């Protein structure tokens, strides 16, 4: 017989949130995230913008993972006025992208087999290599959560757990990469009205995609939501198609820009490199929106109760 102090509906803590496959992935995320942050902060070091980005990405993911797991165990997410399934699916995808980026950037810029000069020495090298390994494991833990929570055909699920919802996160992330490259060449895209149009396209599509994600997380993915998302995706394909044609012409055609990288262009501060990054990720996002549109025509979204 249960105790008189036992709350109705079971215990106060939902310990199954720790032992389920998704819960195990979240525990590993905290373990790997804490290990990565500790190794880098203690001796690995994170100088420069790349190091600061990696630490910010790992710190953000660690804090939100702790919040998610804490709310799952204590059942506090029931008190939040948002769609918990949409929130956790969106965060897992975003964290996977951030951790993947950091797992590439940190070893690329800091991990070397040779020992750095004093005072860092071989100890710093060892810490950086270990941090790189844990950063890769951290990405795998977030990727595992995305794979475990992704909606399957015929399954009643949150919108952000569907392929279309996950693609929205990737589209917004790629747009942020484009904005970062544009910030390095602010004067360049202002020279032509056509390139300014491309920047407007990137901004409008990003805001619309962010609005879709926000509405889903806030629990408003109902009524005409599915139709509105399909219209938005179709318009985004058309807009990105125009940018995919206009941007390379006005940046790399000899009449308007430079078809080849200038030989005196400094590494890391070259406007031509930034324009190339924008061009590449314009095509990446165009393909993502096309895939999103094609997928949305094949499925019918049934929201989770």
Protein backbone atom coordinates (compact mmCIF):
# COMPACT_ATOMS: atom_id res chain seq x y z
CA UNK A 1 0.00 0.00 0.00
CA UNK A 2 1.37 3.43 -0.90
CA UNK A 3 2.29 6.02 1.67
CA UNK A 4 -0.21 8.73 2.59
CA UNK A 5 2.39 11.29 1.54
CA UNK A 6 2.66 9.89 -1.99
CA UNK A 7 1.30 12.34 -4.55
CA UNK A 8 -1.55 11.19 -6.77
CA UNK A 9 -0.34 9.82 -10.09
CA UNK A 10 3.03 8.54 -8.82
CA UNK A 11 6.24 10.02 -7.44
CA UNK A 12 7.32 13.61 -7.71
CA UNK A 13 10.32 12.72 -9.86
CA UNK A 14 10.09 11.03 -13.24
CA UNK A 15 13.18 8.85 -13.08
CA UNK A 16 12.20 7.16 -16.32
CA UNK A 17 13.36 10.34 -18.04
CA UNK A 18 16.91 9.27 -17.15
CA UNK A 19 16.72 5.60 -18.11
CA UNK A 20 14.88 5.85 -21.44
CA UNK A 21 16.96 5.89 -24.66
CA UNK A 22 16.32 9.62 -25.10
CA UNK A 23 17.10 10.24 -21.44
CA UNK A 24 20.36 8.33 -21.74
CA UNK A 25 21.32 10.47 -24.72
CA UNK A 26 20.60 13.61 -22.69
CA UNK A 27 22.68 12.40 -19.76
CA UNK A 28 25.55 11.72 -22.15
CA UNK A 29 25.12 15.21 -23.59
CA UNK A 30 25.65 16.70 -20.13
CA UNK A 31 28.63 14.43 -19.43
CA UNK A 32 30.36 15.11 -22.75
CA UNK A 33 29.48 18.82 -22.65
CA UNK A 34 30.89 19.24 -19.15
CA UNK A 35 34.04 17.34 -20.11
CA UNK A 36 34.59 19.44 -23.23
CA UNK A 37 34.07 22.74 -21.43
CA UNK A 38 36.33 21.70 -18.55
CA UNK A 39 39.17 20.53 -20.79
CA UNK A 40 39.12 23.69 -22.90
CA UNK A 41 38.74 26.09 -19.98
CA UNK A 42 41.40 24.39 -17.83
CA UNK A 43 44.34 24.02 -20.20
CA UNK A 44 43.17 23.76 -23.80
CA UNK A 45 42.51 27.45 -24.30
CA UNK A 46 40.14 29.16 -26.72
CA UNK A 47 41.76 32.33 -28.13
CA UNK A 48 40.23 34.29 -30.98
CA UNK A 49 36.74 34.44 -32.44
CA UNK A 50 36.71 30.73 -33.33
CA UNK A 51 37.50 29.69 -29.77
CA UNK A 52 34.93 32.08 -28.34
CA UNK A 53 32.27 30.68 -30.68
CA UNK A 54 33.07 27.09 -29.68
CA UNK A 55 32.87 27.90 -25.98
CA UNK A 56 29.61 29.83 -26.46
CA UNK A 57 28.10 26.94 -28.46
CA UNK A 58 29.12 24.32 -25.89
CA UNK A 59 27.98 26.49 -23.00
CA UNK A 60 24.60 27.17 -24.59
CA UNK A 61 24.02 23.50 -25.37
CA UNK A 62 25.09 22.41 -21.88
CA UNK A 63 22.81 24.92 -20.15
CA UNK A 64 19.76 24.06 -22.27
CA UNK A 65 20.39 20.31 -21.96
CA UNK A 66 20.48 20.69 -18.19
CA UNK A 67 17.23 22.66 -18.29
CA UNK A 68 15.52 20.07 -20.52
CA UNK A 69 16.62 17.12 -18.41
CA UNK A 70 15.74 18.92 -15.18
CA UNK A 71 12.24 19.73 -16.42
CA UNK A 72 11.74 16.16 -17.63
CA UNK A 73 12.78 14.64 -14.29
CA UNK A 74 10.78 17.08 -12.13
CA UNK A 75 7.81 17.24 -14.56
CA UNK A 76 8.03 21.04 -14.48
CA UNK A 77 7.60 21.19 -18.25
CA UNK A 78 3.88 20.58 -17.65
CA UNK A 79 3.73 24.07 -16.12
CA UNK A 80 5.33 25.78 -19.11
CA UNK A 81 3.08 27.46 -21.66
CA UNK A 82 4.72 25.96 -24.70
CA UNK A 83 4.71 22.77 -26.73
CA UNK A 84 7.35 20.72 -24.95
CA UNK A 85 7.70 18.19 -27.77
CA UNK A 86 8.28 20.94 -30.33
CA UNK A 87 10.72 22.73 -28.03
CA UNK A 88 12.88 19.68 -27.30
CA UNK A 89 12.92 18.57 -30.95
CA UNK A 90 13.93 22.05 -32.14
CA UNK A 91 16.59 22.39 -29.47
CA UNK A 92 18.07 18.95 -30.18
CA UNK A 93 18.44 19.79 -33.88
CA UNK A 94 19.94 23.21 -33.15
CA UNK A 95 22.33 21.73 -30.58
CA UNK A 96 23.40 19.06 -33.08
CA UNK A 97 24.24 21.75 -35.63
CA UNK A 98 26.08 23.94 -33.11
CA UNK A 99 28.05 21.04 -31.64
CA UNK A 100 28.93 19.77 -35.13
CA UNK A 101 30.25 23.20 -36.10
CA UNK A 102 32.27 23.49 -32.89
CA UNK A 103 33.57 19.91 -33.28
CA UNK A 104 34.99 20.91 -36.68
CA UNK A 105 36.22 24.41 -35.82
CA UNK A 106 38.04 23.64 -32.57
CA UNK A 107 40.40 20.89 -33.80
CA UNK A 108 40.83 22.69 -37.11
CA UNK A 109 42.14 25.83 -35.41
CA UNK A 110 43.66 24.55 -32.16
CA UNK A 111 44.42 20.81 -32.20
CA UNK A 112 47.90 19.91 -33.46
CA UNK A 113 50.07 16.85 -33.03
CA UNK A 114 53.09 19.09 -32.41
CA UNK A 115 53.50 20.64 -29.00
CA UNK A 116 52.89 24.42 -28.93
CA UNK A 117 55.69 26.65 -27.57
CA UNK A 118 56.01 27.48 -23.89
CA UNK A 119 54.28 28.27 -21.63
CA UNK A 120 51.47 26.11 -23.08
CA UNK A 121 53.64 23.13 -23.96
CA UNK A 122 52.58 19.54 -24.59
CA UNK A 123 50.00 19.64 -21.80
CA UNK A 124 47.94 22.13 -23.77
CA UNK A 125 48.20 19.91 -26.86
CA UNK A 126 46.93 16.89 -24.92
CA UNK A 127 44.02 18.85 -23.48
CA UNK A 128 43.06 20.19 -26.91
CA UNK A 129 43.14 16.74 -28.48
CA UNK A 130 41.02 15.33 -25.64
CA UNK A 131 38.58 18.22 -25.95
CA UNK A 132 38.29 17.55 -29.69
CA UNK A 133 37.39 13.91 -29.00
CA UNK A 134 34.73 14.85 -26.45
CA UNK A 135 33.38 17.52 -28.80
CA UNK A 136 32.84 14.83 -31.43
CA UNK A 137 31.13 12.59 -28.87
CA UNK A 138 28.92 15.50 -27.85
CA UNK A 139 27.74 15.91 -31.43
CA UNK A 140 26.98 12.19 -31.65
CA UNK A 141 24.88 12.40 -28.47
CA UNK A 142 22.76 15.21 -29.90
CA UNK A 143 22.49 13.42 -33.26
CA UNK A 144 21.29 10.33 -31.40
CA UNK A 145 18.51 12.34 -29.73
CA UNK A 146 17.43 13.76 -33.08
CA UNK A 147 17.32 10.25 -34.55
CA UNK A 148 15.40 8.84 -31.58
CA UNK A 149 12.77 11.58 -31.47
CA UNK A 150 12.26 12.08 -35.22
CA UNK A 151 8.69 11.38 -36.31
CA UNK A 152 8.13 8.20 -38.30
CA UNK A 153 5.53 7.76 -41.07
CA UNK A 154 2.07 7.28 -39.57
CA UNK A 155 3.19 8.46 -36.13
CA UNK A 156 1.37 11.20 -34.25
CA UNK A 157 4.14 13.65 -33.35
CA UNK A 158 5.11 17.25 -32.82
CA UNK A 159 5.68 19.28 -35.98
CA UNK A 160 9.30 20.08 -35.13
CA UNK A 161 10.03 16.34 -34.88
CA UNK A 162 9.05 15.83 -38.53
CA UNK A 163 11.54 16.10 -41.37
CA UNK A 164 9.93 19.40 -42.40
CA UNK A 165 10.29 20.80 -38.88
CA UNK A 166 13.91 19.68 -38.57
CA UNK A 167 14.69 21.22 -41.96
CA UNK A 168 13.37 24.55 -40.66
CA UNK A 169 16.09 24.56 -38.01
CA UNK A 170 18.77 23.74 -40.58
CA UNK A 171 17.49 26.47 -42.92
CA UNK A 172 17.66 29.07 -40.16
CA UNK A 173 21.14 27.89 -39.15
CA UNK A 174 22.43 28.12 -42.73
CA UNK A 175 20.93 31.62 -43.00
CA UNK A 176 22.93 32.64 -39.91
CA UNK A 177 26.11 31.43 -41.64
CA UNK A 178 25.16 33.61 -44.63
CA UNK A 179 24.61 36.61 -42.35
CA UNK A 180 27.98 36.05 -40.73
CA UNK A 181 29.68 36.06 -44.14
CA UNK A 182 27.75 39.17 -45.19
CA UNK A 183 28.93 40.98 -42.06
CA UNK A 184 32.51 40.51 -43.27
CA UNK A 185 31.65 42.23 -46.56
CA UNK A 186 29.06 44.84 -45.63
CA UNK A 187 30.36 47.39 -48.12
CA UNK A 188 30.50 44.87 -50.97
CA UNK A 189 26.82 43.93 -51.21
CA UNK A 190 25.74 47.59 -51.03
CA UNK A 191 27.36 48.37 -54.39
CA UNK A 192 24.52 46.88 -56.44
CA UNK A 193 20.75 46.90 -55.99
CA UNK A 194 20.70 43.27 -57.12
CA UNK A 195 22.91 42.09 -54.26
CA UNK A 196 20.85 44.16 -51.83
CA UNK A 197 17.83 42.24 -53.13
CA UNK A 198 19.62 38.99 -52.28
CA UNK A 199 20.26 40.20 -48.73
CA UNK A 200 16.58 41.08 -48.43
CA UNK A 201 15.70 37.56 -49.59
CA UNK A 202 17.95 36.01 -46.94
CA UNK A 203 16.43 38.20 -44.25
CA UNK A 204 12.78 37.66 -45.22
CA UNK A 205 13.13 33.90 -45.51
CA UNK A 206 14.99 33.70 -42.20
CA UNK A 207 12.33 35.73 -40.38
CA UNK A 208 9.51 33.66 -41.85
CA UNK A 209 11.26 30.40 -40.95
CA UNK A 210 11.97 31.64 -37.42
CA UNK A 211 8.29 32.59 -37.09
CA UNK A 212 7.26 29.05 -38.07
CA UNK A 213 9.58 27.60 -35.44
CA UNK A 214 8.38 30.05 -32.78
CA UNK A 215 4.71 29.34 -33.47
CA UNK A 216 5.35 25.62 -33.26
CA UNK A 217 7.24 25.90 -29.98
CA UNK A 218 4.50 28.12 -28.52
CA UNK A 219 1.89 25.51 -29.41
CA UNK A 220 0.14 27.30 -32.27
CA UNK A 221 0.77 24.63 -34.94
CA UNK A 222 -2.92 24.10 -35.66
CA UNK A 223 -5.69 25.31 -37.94
CA UNK A 224 -4.31 26.77 -41.21
CA UNK A 225 -0.72 26.30 -39.99
CA UNK A 226 0.12 23.46 -42.39
CA UNK A 227 -1.19 25.37 -45.43
CA UNK A 228 0.62 28.56 -44.40
CA UNK A 229 3.90 26.68 -43.96
CA UNK A 230 3.56 25.13 -47.42
CA UNK A 231 2.95 28.56 -48.98
CA UNK A 232 5.93 30.00 -47.12
CA UNK A 233 8.17 27.17 -48.31
CA UNK A 234 7.05 27.59 -51.93
CA UNK A 235 7.72 31.35 -51.82
CA UNK A 236 11.10 30.73 -50.17
CA UNK A 237 12.08 28.39 -53.02
CA UNK A 238 11.23 31.09 -55.57
CA UNK A 239 13.06 33.81 -53.64
CA UNK A 240 16.16 31.70 -53.08
CA UNK A 241 16.12 30.68 -56.74
CA UNK A 242 16.34 34.35 -57.72
CA UNK A 243 19.18 34.91 -55.23
CA UNK A 244 21.01 31.82 -56.50
CA UNK A 245 21.05 33.39 -59.96
CA UNK A 246 21.63 37.03 -59.06
CA UNK A 247 24.33 36.74 -56.38
CA UNK A 248 26.98 34.85 -58.41
CA UNK A 249 26.43 37.10 -61.44
CA UNK A 250 26.93 40.36 -59.55
CA UNK A 251 29.80 39.03 -57.41
CA UNK A 252 31.85 36.90 -59.81
CA UNK A 253 31.04 38.05 -63.34
CA UNK A 254 33.89 40.24 -64.72
CA UNK A 255 31.39 42.97 -65.60
CA UNK A 256 30.34 43.49 -61.97
CA UNK A 257 32.81 41.68 -59.72
CA UNK A 258 35.91 39.51 -59.57
CA UNK A 259 35.77 35.97 -61.00
CA UNK A 260 38.99 34.91 -59.25
CA UNK A 261 40.34 35.39 -55.76
CA UNK A 262 42.74 38.39 -55.61
CA UNK A 263 46.32 37.21 -54.93
CA UNK A 264 46.85 39.88 -52.27
CA UNK A 265 43.69 38.98 -50.34
CA UNK A 266 44.54 38.31 -46.68
CA UNK A 267 43.42 34.98 -45.25
CA UNK A 268 40.47 35.40 -42.89
CA UNK A 269 39.81 38.98 -43.98
CA UNK A 270 39.13 38.54 -47.69
CA UNK A 271 35.86 39.96 -49.02
CA UNK A 272 36.00 37.58 -52.00
CA UNK A 273 36.01 34.60 -49.63
CA UNK A 274 32.92 35.96 -47.85
CA UNK A 275 31.10 36.32 -51.17
CA UNK A 276 31.99 32.76 -52.08
CA UNK A 277 30.65 31.51 -48.74
CA UNK A 278 27.39 33.38 -49.35
CA UNK A 279 27.10 31.86 -52.82
CA UNK A 280 27.74 28.31 -51.60
CA UNK A 281 25.27 28.49 -48.72
CA UNK A 282 22.68 30.18 -50.92
CA UNK A 283 22.62 27.00 -52.98
CA UNK A 284 22.63 24.88 -49.83
CA UNK A 285 19.56 26.64 -48.49
CA UNK A 286 17.86 26.50 -51.88
CA UNK A 287 18.26 22.72 -51.85
CA UNK A 288 16.98 22.57 -48.26
CA UNK A 289 13.85 24.55 -49.14
CA UNK A 290 13.26 22.39 -52.23
CA UNK A 291 13.58 19.23 -50.11
CA UNK A 292 11.24 20.77 -47.52
CA UNK A 293 8.66 21.58 -50.18
CA UNK A 294 8.88 18.12 -51.72
CA UNK A 295 8.55 16.42 -48.33
CA UNK A 296 5.62 18.59 -47.24
CA UNK A 297 3.68 17.50 -50.34
CA UNK A 298 4.10 13.82 -49.42
CA UNK A 299 2.95 13.89 -45.81
CA UNK A 300 0.02 15.05 -43.75
CA UNK A 301 1.00 16.43 -40.37
CA UNK A 302 -1.10 15.15 -37.45
CA UNK A 303 -0.22 17.15 -34.31
CA UNK A 304 0.40 15.36 -31.06
CA UNK A 305 -2.38 15.83 -28.50
